[in-house]
Protein backbone atom coordinates (compact mmCIF):
# COMPACT_ATOMS: atom_id res chain seq x y z
CA MET A 1 -48.41 -23.77 -62.75
CA ALA A 2 -51.85 -22.16 -63.32
CA MET A 3 -53.99 -22.91 -66.32
CA ASP A 4 -55.46 -20.76 -68.64
CA ALA A 5 -59.05 -20.44 -69.55
CA GLY A 6 -58.53 -21.64 -73.16
CA THR A 7 -57.09 -25.23 -71.75
CA ILE A 8 -60.05 -25.30 -69.29
CA GLU A 9 -62.62 -24.71 -72.24
CA GLN A 10 -60.85 -27.13 -74.36
CA MET A 11 -60.84 -30.12 -71.72
CA ILE A 12 -64.39 -29.77 -71.21
CA ARG A 13 -65.36 -29.59 -74.78
CA GLU A 14 -63.46 -32.68 -75.68
CA SER A 15 -64.91 -34.62 -72.66
CA ILE A 16 -68.35 -33.16 -73.19
CA PRO A 17 -68.70 -32.29 -76.91
CA ASP A 18 -72.17 -30.84 -77.24
CA ALA A 19 -71.15 -28.45 -74.48
CA SER A 20 -71.82 -24.73 -74.82
CA VAL A 21 -68.62 -23.57 -72.28
CA SER A 22 -68.02 -20.15 -70.91
CA ILE A 23 -64.94 -19.53 -68.49
CA GLU A 24 -64.45 -16.25 -66.52
CA ASP A 25 -61.20 -15.46 -64.82
CA LEU A 26 -62.63 -13.96 -61.35
CA ARG A 27 -59.31 -12.45 -60.18
CA GLY A 28 -57.26 -11.69 -62.99
CA ASP A 29 -54.61 -14.16 -61.65
CA GLY A 30 -55.37 -17.22 -63.83
CA ASP A 31 -56.00 -19.23 -60.63
CA HIS A 32 -59.80 -18.39 -59.86
CA TYR A 33 -62.21 -19.45 -62.57
CA ALA A 34 -66.06 -19.60 -63.15
CA ALA A 35 -66.98 -21.92 -65.66
CA TYR A 36 -70.45 -22.09 -67.33
CA VAL A 37 -71.18 -25.08 -68.69
CA VAL A 38 -74.82 -25.86 -70.70
CA SER A 39 -75.02 -29.85 -71.96
CA ALA A 40 -77.82 -31.76 -73.02
CA SER A 41 -76.02 -34.70 -71.69
CA PHE A 42 -76.56 -33.34 -68.14
CA LYS A 43 -80.43 -34.21 -68.80
CA GLY A 44 -81.73 -36.54 -65.76
CA LYS A 45 -78.71 -36.03 -64.07
CA SER A 46 -78.58 -34.36 -60.43
CA ARG A 47 -76.64 -31.28 -60.25
CA LEU A 48 -73.79 -33.23 -58.49
CA GLN A 49 -73.49 -35.69 -61.17
CA GLN A 50 -73.23 -32.90 -63.61
CA HIS A 51 -70.53 -31.53 -61.86
CA GLN A 52 -68.81 -34.64 -61.60
CA MET A 53 -69.02 -34.95 -65.46
CA VAL A 54 -67.03 -31.57 -65.57
CA TYR A 55 -64.35 -32.50 -62.80
CA GLN A 56 -63.87 -35.69 -64.74
CA ALA A 57 -63.11 -33.84 -67.90
CA LEU A 58 -60.38 -31.76 -66.07
CA ARG A 59 -58.56 -35.18 -65.27
CA GLY A 60 -57.27 -34.45 -61.95
CA LYS A 61 -56.26 -30.94 -62.65
CA MET A 62 -58.62 -29.37 -60.02
CA GLY A 63 -56.74 -28.47 -56.76
CA ASN A 64 -53.72 -28.84 -58.62
CA GLU A 65 -52.78 -26.80 -61.72
CA LEU A 66 -56.37 -25.54 -61.15
CA HIS A 67 -56.93 -24.08 -57.60
CA ALA A 68 -60.52 -22.76 -57.80
CA LEU A 69 -63.40 -23.53 -60.16
CA ALA A 70 -66.98 -21.89 -59.37
CA LEU A 71 -69.00 -24.23 -61.51
CA GLN A 72 -72.57 -23.70 -63.00
CA THR A 73 -74.10 -26.30 -65.11
CA SER A 74 -77.45 -26.52 -66.89
CA ILE A 75 -79.11 -28.19 -69.68
CA PRO A 76 -80.49 -26.19 -72.60
CA GLU A 77 -83.74 -24.78 -72.48
CA GLY A 78 -86.33 -26.61 -74.38
CA ILE A 79 -84.97 -30.02 -73.70
């Protein structure tokens, strides 16, 4: 069963509370999403580490309920 955008956003926000999260359903099928996550907690971390933080927030759903996620992470401007 596919995940909805609200669930993905909620899981990320629960794990990374200061995150600004935007989710886009890329195909309208509830199975292919893009996530844009901005968080000060990413500061000093490599892009790989930032993505790992988001994947950890999804608690093993990636590749199962969540088929595809195009992920973009960044820190807020001015930090």
